[in-house]
Amino acid sequence: MRGVSREFGRPVLREVDLAVHTGEIAVLVGGSGSGKTTLLRIAAGLERIGAGQVELRGQLVDDGRRAFVPPERRRVGMVFQEHALWSHLTVHDNISLALPRGEPASRTEELLEAVELGGFGKRPPATLSGGQQQRVALARALATRSDLLLLDEPLSSLDAPVRERLRPLIRDMVRKEGRSALFVSHDRLDAWHLADRILVLEEGRLVQDDLPARLHAAPATESVARIMGAAGKLAVLGLGQGRIAAGAQVLQTAHSIVAPGQPAIALAHPAAVRIEADGLAARRIDLMFEAGWWRTRWQTGVGELVGLHPTPPPETAFLTIVPDALFVFPQ
């Protein structure tokens, strides 16, 4: 996509540039209303663009004017949020009709087994749970052997253990068969476990396109930092040379983009918040156990921090923050 824009009475996508390469999984994340599903539907040919260009395999498929290749000629596989299964067909037939010509019939059963629905082939979709229907939709998209898969939150309605088993399945099938995938998700774990690259949309703009490790270490905006797991909100003041004033305390950060004297917001990855003998004075306001750690909300004189601690922390403490995991953005 080059300079792709789209409006529905208001701007939904604003001059988006992106590329998905062969064998790559790009995970598209962003808040509700950021334009993720619209972008996916444009790639599929289900929406026209207002401006810009869309190319598939080097061919122009939409320029917002005369050039337009309809969805049935784009050779992409898509999984919708709402499943979109054919209700008058069995589960088996929903999948088998998507198989390319000459594909062995056994492929349908292989896919059903892969998505943990072996033995469900004769059932109509209406008799399945929402999560089971989503797995049928995923199997049908995989059956097409399309070199591009467009997946609109395909794991959102599944239980956590099933999501954990299907993520490596999707990743393996994309890589082994030389496919590409554009995967929309609200789930941070989808990004960590699936993505070769993560794309972040904010209010229709692509604000960051990066490797997962880079996105985690150097988020471009406050919302990207939060998507990647940073938390809290401190009102601070820029001091220059990577330093900020949090009340009377001076904190060091590797990621400050604020000028000296400029008001700013600071947040941090919880695992980087440490209890020390000296630092930012804080009072514990909430505590919960989370997978072997104690997630703690701290109130300081300049706002909240969230920490992950190996043991239950005291009611009051002094906190420090690892500079590499402290992010500061203009207020």
Protein backbone atom coordinates (compact mmCIF):
# COMPACT_ATOMS: atom_id res chain seq x y z
CA MET A 1 0.00 0.00 0.00
CA ARG A 2 1.25 3.47 -0.91
CA GLY A 3 -0.44 6.56 0.50
CA VAL A 4 -3.70 4.70 1.08
CA SER A 5 -6.52 6.83 2.52
CA ARG A 6 -10.18 6.08 3.13
CA GLU A 7 -13.07 8.07 4.58
CA PHE A 8 -16.51 7.10 5.86
CA GLY A 9 -17.74 10.60 6.63
CA ARG A 10 -14.51 11.01 8.58
CA PRO A 11 -10.93 9.91 7.86
CA VAL A 12 -10.49 6.19 8.69
CA LEU A 13 -7.11 5.59 7.02
CA ARG A 14 -4.63 8.40 6.45
CA GLU A 15 -1.82 7.97 3.89
CA VAL A 16 -0.84 4.45 4.94
CA ASP A 17 2.36 2.97 3.47
CA LEU A 18 3.11 -0.69 4.15
CA ALA A 19 4.47 -3.83 2.53
CA VAL A 20 4.09 -7.50 3.45
CA HIS A 21 6.81 -9.72 2.03
CA THR A 22 6.78 -13.36 0.94
CA GLY A 23 6.81 -15.78 3.86
CA GLU A 24 6.28 -12.99 6.37
CA ILE A 25 3.64 -12.58 9.08
CA ALA A 26 2.83 -8.94 9.74
CA VAL A 27 0.61 -8.41 12.79
CA LEU A 28 -1.51 -5.26 12.69
CA VAL A 29 -2.45 -3.86 16.11
CA GLY A 30 -4.23 -0.75 17.33
CA GLY A 31 -7.20 0.40 19.36
CA SER A 32 -10.86 0.08 18.38
CA GLY A 33 -11.66 2.40 15.50
CA SER A 34 -8.02 2.77 14.44
CA GLY A 35 -8.78 1.39 10.94
CA LYS A 36 -7.42 -2.17 11.20
CA THR A 37 -10.41 -3.99 9.70
CA THR A 38 -10.87 -1.36 6.97
CA LEU A 39 -7.24 -1.82 5.95
CA LEU A 40 -7.71 -5.59 5.77
CA ARG A 41 -10.90 -5.26 3.72
CA ILE A 42 -9.09 -2.95 1.28
CA ALA A 43 -6.36 -5.58 0.84
CA ALA A 44 -9.07 -8.16 0.12
CA GLY A 45 -10.91 -5.91 -2.36
CA LEU A 46 -14.01 -5.63 -0.17
CA GLU A 47 -13.51 -1.86 0.19
CA ARG A 48 -12.27 0.71 -2.32
CA ILE A 49 -9.63 3.25 -1.38
CA GLY A 50 -10.14 7.00 -1.58
CA ALA A 51 -6.55 7.78 -2.54
CA GLY A 52 -3.25 6.00 -3.02
CA GLN A 53 -2.39 2.64 -4.58
CA VAL A 54 -2.71 -1.03 -3.61
CA GLU A 55 -0.54 -3.65 -5.32
CA LEU A 56 -0.60 -7.46 -5.02
CA ARG A 57 2.33 -9.46 -6.41
CA GLY A 58 3.46 -6.36 -8.30
CA GLN A 59 0.05 -5.81 -9.95
CA LEU A 60 -1.97 -2.64 -9.35
CA VAL A 61 -5.33 -3.75 -7.93
CA ASP A 62 -6.79 -0.42 -6.73
CA ASP A 63 -5.91 3.20 -7.35
CA GLY A 64 -9.15 4.74 -6.07
CA ARG A 65 -10.19 5.59 -9.64
CA ARG A 66 -10.41 3.24 -12.63
CA ALA A 67 -8.04 0.44 -11.68
CA PHE A 68 -9.74 -2.20 -9.54
CA VAL A 69 -9.35 -5.97 -9.32
CA PRO A 70 -12.36 -7.56 -7.56
CA PRO A 71 -11.91 -9.85 -4.53
CA GLU A 72 -12.54 -13.11 -6.38
CA ARG A 73 -9.57 -12.40 -8.66
CA ARG A 74 -7.08 -11.42 -5.95
CA ARG A 75 -6.30 -14.98 -4.82
CA VAL A 76 -6.25 -14.25 -1.11
CA GLY A 77 -7.59 -16.24 1.82
CA MET A 78 -9.50 -14.36 4.50
CA VAL A 79 -10.83 -15.12 7.97
CA PHE A 80 -13.45 -12.66 9.18
CA GLN A 81 -14.36 -11.81 12.76
CA GLU A 82 -17.91 -13.06 12.11
CA HIS A 83 -16.79 -16.45 10.62
CA ALA A 84 -18.84 -16.04 7.35
CA LEU A 85 -19.41 -19.79 6.96
CA TRP A 86 -21.93 -21.21 4.50
CA SER A 87 -24.79 -22.31 6.75
CA HIS A 88 -26.35 -24.70 4.19
CA LEU A 89 -23.13 -26.75 3.90
CA THR A 90 -21.48 -29.12 6.34
CA VAL A 91 -18.21 -28.27 8.03
CA HIS A 92 -16.42 -30.63 5.61
CA ASP A 93 -17.96 -29.00 2.54
CA ASN A 94 -17.19 -25.48 3.79
CA ILE A 95 -13.53 -26.43 3.70
CA SER A 96 -13.41 -28.75 0.69
CA LEU A 97 -15.00 -26.18 -1.64
CA ALA A 98 -12.06 -23.87 -0.91
CA LEU A 99 -9.48 -26.46 -2.02
CA PRO A 100 -7.62 -25.70 -5.25
CA ARG A 101 -8.39 -27.92 -8.23
CA GLY A 102 -6.53 -31.21 -8.04
CA GLU A 103 -6.00 -31.05 -4.26
CA PRO A 104 -6.62 -34.49 -2.63
CA ALA A 105 -9.83 -34.81 -0.61
CA SER A 106 -7.76 -35.97 2.37
CA ARG A 107 -6.52 -32.39 2.74
CA THR A 108 -9.87 -31.42 4.31
CA GLU A 109 -9.54 -34.00 7.05
CA GLU A 110 -5.92 -32.99 7.63
CA LEU A 111 -6.99 -29.39 8.19
CA LEU A 112 -9.84 -30.40 10.50
CA GLU A 113 -7.39 -32.39 12.60
CA ALA A 114 -4.95 -29.48 12.59
CA VAL A 115 -7.56 -27.10 14.06
CA GLU A 116 -8.70 -29.79 16.53
CA LEU A 117 -12.04 -30.50 14.85
CA GLY A 118 -11.46 -34.06 13.67
CA GLY A 119 -14.80 -35.89 13.50
CA PHE A 120 -16.83 -32.67 13.08
CA GLY A 121 -16.93 -32.79 9.28
CA LYS A 122 -20.56 -33.92 8.89
CA ARG A 123 -21.99 -31.31 11.23
CA PRO A 124 -23.63 -28.06 10.06
CA PRO A 125 -21.86 -24.88 11.27
CA ALA A 126 -24.90 -23.81 13.32
CA THR A 127 -24.33 -26.71 15.72
CA LEU A 128 -20.83 -25.50 16.61
CA SER A 129 -19.78 -22.99 19.22
CA GLY A 130 -18.47 -19.61 18.12
CA GLY A 131 -14.91 -20.70 18.77
CA GLN A 132 -15.37 -23.90 16.78
CA GLN A 133 -16.86 -21.94 13.86
CA GLN A 134 -13.83 -19.65 13.93
CA ARG A 135 -11.55 -22.67 13.63
CA VAL A 136 -13.55 -23.88 10.60
CA ALA A 137 -13.11 -20.45 9.03
CA LEU A 138 -9.38 -20.65 9.69
CA ALA A 139 -9.16 -24.13 8.13
CA ARG A 140 -11.08 -22.90 5.07
CA ALA A 141 -8.66 -19.99 4.58
CA LEU A 142 -5.69 -22.35 4.90
CA ALA A 143 -7.31 -24.73 2.40
CA THR A 144 -7.13 -22.15 -0.40
CA ARG A 145 -3.31 -22.31 -0.41
CA SER A 146 -3.45 -18.59 -1.24
CA ASP A 147 -0.05 -16.97 -1.03
CA LEU A 148 -1.60 -14.16 1.04
CA LEU A 149 -3.75 -14.76 4.11
CA LEU A 150 -5.76 -11.91 5.63
CA LEU A 151 -6.81 -12.76 9.18
CA ASP A 152 -9.17 -10.46 11.10
CA GLU A 153 -8.78 -11.50 14.76
CA PRO A 154 -9.18 -15.22 13.96
CA LEU A 155 -8.29 -16.32 17.51
CA SER A 156 -10.31 -13.75 19.45
CA SER A 157 -13.20 -16.06 20.36
CA LEU A 158 -11.06 -19.05 21.33
CA ASP A 159 -10.05 -20.24 24.77
CA ALA A 160 -6.48 -19.39 25.80
CA PRO A 161 -5.17 -23.01 25.53
CA VAL A 162 -6.60 -23.35 22.00
CA ARG A 163 -5.08 -20.01 20.97
CA GLU A 164 -1.72 -21.19 22.25
CA ARG A 165 -1.92 -24.34 20.12
CA LEU A 166 -3.15 -22.57 16.97
CA ARG A 167 -0.55 -19.78 16.92
CA PRO A 168 2.35 -22.13 16.06
CA LEU A 169 0.10 -23.89 13.53
CA ILE A 170 -0.56 -20.63 11.70
CA ARG A 171 3.10 -19.60 11.87
CA ASP A 172 4.34 -22.97 10.62
CA MET A 173 1.87 -23.16 7.71
CA VAL A 174 2.68 -19.63 6.55
CA ARG A 175 6.40 -20.30 6.63
CA LYS A 176 6.51 -23.84 5.27
CA GLU A 177 4.23 -23.05 2.33
CA GLY A 178 5.86 -19.73 1.47
CA ARG A 179 2.75 -17.72 2.25
CA SER A 180 2.42 -14.19 3.58
CA ALA A 181 -0.06 -13.10 6.22
CA LEU A 182 -1.53 -9.86 7.47
CA PHE A 183 -2.96 -10.66 10.88
CA VAL A 184 -5.18 -8.19 12.79
CA SER A 185 -5.33 -8.60 16.55
CA HIS A 186 -6.06 -6.89 19.86
CA ASP A 187 -4.06 -9.53 21.72
CA ARG A 188 -0.47 -8.60 22.59
CA LEU A 189 0.45 -12.30 22.74
CA ASP A 190 -0.56 -12.74 19.09
CA ALA A 191 2.00 -10.08 18.21
CA TRP A 192 4.74 -11.71 20.32
CA HIS A 193 4.08 -15.29 19.20
CA LEU A 194 3.27 -14.72 15.52
CA ALA A 195 4.81 -11.56 14.16
CA ASP A 196 7.89 -11.14 12.03
CA ARG A 197 6.89 -7.46 12.00
CA ILE A 198 4.35 -5.49 14.00
CA LEU A 199 2.40 -2.61 12.44
CA VAL A 200 0.66 -0.13 14.76
CA LEU A 201 -2.30 1.98 13.64
CA GLU A 202 -3.42 5.06 15.57
CA GLU A 203 -6.46 6.97 14.32
CA GLY A 204 -5.88 5.72 10.80
CA ARG A 205 -2.16 6.47 10.68
CA LEU A 206 0.59 3.86 10.64
CA VAL A 207 2.72 5.22 13.48
CA GLN A 208 5.24 2.38 13.73
CA ASP A 209 6.29 -0.56 11.54
CA ASP A 210 9.06 -2.50 13.21
CA LEU A 211 10.50 -5.77 14.44
CA PRO A 212 8.85 -6.98 17.68
CA ALA A 213 12.01 -6.53 19.76
CA ARG A 214 12.55 -3.01 18.44
CA LEU A 215 8.91 -2.06 19.02
CA HIS A 216 9.14 -3.30 22.62
CA ALA A 217 12.42 -1.49 23.28
CA ALA A 218 11.70 1.79 21.47
CA PRO A 219 7.97 2.54 21.04
CA ALA A 220 7.29 5.62 18.95
CA THR A 221 4.24 6.87 20.88
CA GLU A 222 2.63 6.49 24.28
CA SER A 223 -0.09 4.22 22.90
CA VAL A 224 2.49 1.96 21.23
CA ALA A 225 4.30 1.70 24.57
CA ARG A 226 1.03 0.67 26.24
CA ILE A 227 0.25 -1.89 23.54
CA MET A 228 3.70 -3.38 24.19
CA GLY A 229 2.98 -3.67 27.92
CA ALA A 230 4.24 -0.43 29.48
CA ALA A 231 1.99 0.98 32.18
CA GLY A 232 1.53 3.83 34.64
CA LYS A 233 1.38 7.58 34.13
CA LEU A 234 3.80 10.01 35.75
CA ALA A 235 3.64 13.77 35.19
CA VAL A 236 7.28 14.76 34.64
CA LEU A 237 9.40 17.56 33.25
CA GLY A 238 12.17 17.26 30.68
CA LEU A 239 15.68 18.17 31.89
CA GLY A 240 17.71 17.28 28.81
CA GLN A 241 20.46 14.68 28.34
CA GLY A 242 18.05 11.82 29.00
CA ARG A 243 16.96 13.11 32.39
CA ILE A 244 13.47 13.95 33.66
CA ALA A 245 12.21 15.46 36.90
CA ALA A 246 9.53 13.44 38.69
CA GLY A 247 8.77 15.85 41.50
CA ALA A 248 11.99 16.19 43.49
CA GLN A 249 13.46 13.02 41.99
CA VAL A 250 15.59 12.98 38.85
CA LEU A 251 15.14 9.86 36.68
CA GLN A 252 17.33 8.71 33.82
CA THR A 253 15.77 7.39 30.61
CA ALA A 254 17.12 6.14 27.31
CA HIS A 255 13.93 7.11 25.48
CA SER A 256 13.11 10.75 26.20
CA ILE A 257 12.08 12.88 23.23
CA VAL A 258 11.15 15.95 25.29
CA ALA A 259 13.03 19.23 25.49
CA PRO A 260 14.33 20.77 28.72
CA GLY A 261 11.43 22.35 30.62
CA GLN A 262 8.79 20.56 28.53
CA PRO A 263 5.91 18.85 30.44
CA ALA A 264 5.74 15.14 29.64
CA ILE A 265 4.19 11.78 30.50
CA ALA A 266 6.37 8.86 31.64
CA LEU A 267 5.47 5.17 31.79
CA ALA A 268 7.49 1.97 32.16
CA HIS A 269 7.48 -1.78 31.67
CA PRO A 270 6.34 -3.18 35.04
CA ALA A 271 9.26 -5.61 35.29
CA ALA A 272 11.63 -2.63 35.21
CA VAL A 273 10.14 -1.02 38.33
CA ARG A 274 12.37 -1.95 41.29
CA ILE A 275 12.08 -1.50 45.06
CA GLU A 276 15.27 0.09 46.40
CA ALA A 277 16.57 1.83 49.53
CA ASP A 278 16.12 5.22 47.87
CA GLY A 279 14.15 6.60 44.93
CA LEU A 280 10.63 7.76 44.14
CA ALA A 281 8.45 7.51 47.26
CA ALA A 282 5.35 5.40 46.59
CA ARG A 283 2.32 3.95 48.35
CA ARG A 284 0.79 0.62 47.31
CA ILE A 285 -2.82 1.04 46.12
CA ASP A 286 -3.55 -2.36 44.53
CA LEU A 287 -1.99 -5.81 44.47
CA MET A 288 -2.72 -8.96 42.47
CA PHE A 289 -0.98 -12.25 41.81
CA GLU A 290 -0.07 -12.79 38.15
CA ALA A 291 1.73 -15.89 36.90
CA GLY A 292 4.35 -16.06 39.64
CA TRP A 293 4.66 -12.29 40.12
CA TRP A 294 2.86 -9.66 42.17
CA ARG A 295 1.48 -6.92 39.93
CA THR A 296 1.33 -3.81 42.04
CA ARG A 297 -0.12 -0.37 41.41
CA TRP A 298 1.86 2.34 43.13
CA GLN A 299 0.76 5.92 43.83
CA THR A 300 3.54 8.48 43.82
CA GLY A 301 3.49 12.23 44.25
CA VAL A 302 3.47 12.66 40.44
CA GLY A 303 1.17 9.83 39.35
CA GLU A 304 0.92 6.05 39.15
CA LEU A 305 3.43 3.30 38.40
CA VAL A 306 2.84 -0.41 37.90
CA GLY A 307 5.45 -2.90 39.07
CA LEU A 308 5.98 -6.66 38.85
CA HIS A 309 7.65 -7.99 41.99
CA PRO A 310 8.71 -11.55 42.93
CA THR A 311 7.25 -11.27 46.45
CA PRO A 312 4.37 -9.22 47.91
CA PRO A 313 5.76 -5.68 48.34
CA PRO A 314 5.31 -3.51 51.43
CA GLU A 315 2.61 -0.86 51.68
CA THR A 316 5.17 1.91 51.12
CA ALA A 317 8.46 1.79 49.25
CA PHE A 318 11.03 3.71 47.24
CA LEU A 319 11.00 2.88 43.52
CA THR A 320 13.60 3.10 40.77
CA ILE A 321 13.10 2.36 37.06
CA VAL A 322 15.59 0.76 34.67
CA PRO A 323 16.38 3.59 32.17
CA ASP A 324 16.02 1.36 29.09
CA ALA A 325 12.41 0.58 30.03
CA LEU A 326 11.28 4.09 31.00
CA PHE A 327 9.50 5.89 28.16
CA VAL A 328 8.79 9.63 28.07
CA PHE A 329 6.50 11.44 25.63
CA PRO A 330 5.38 15.08 25.34
CA GLN A 331 2.21 15.80 27.29
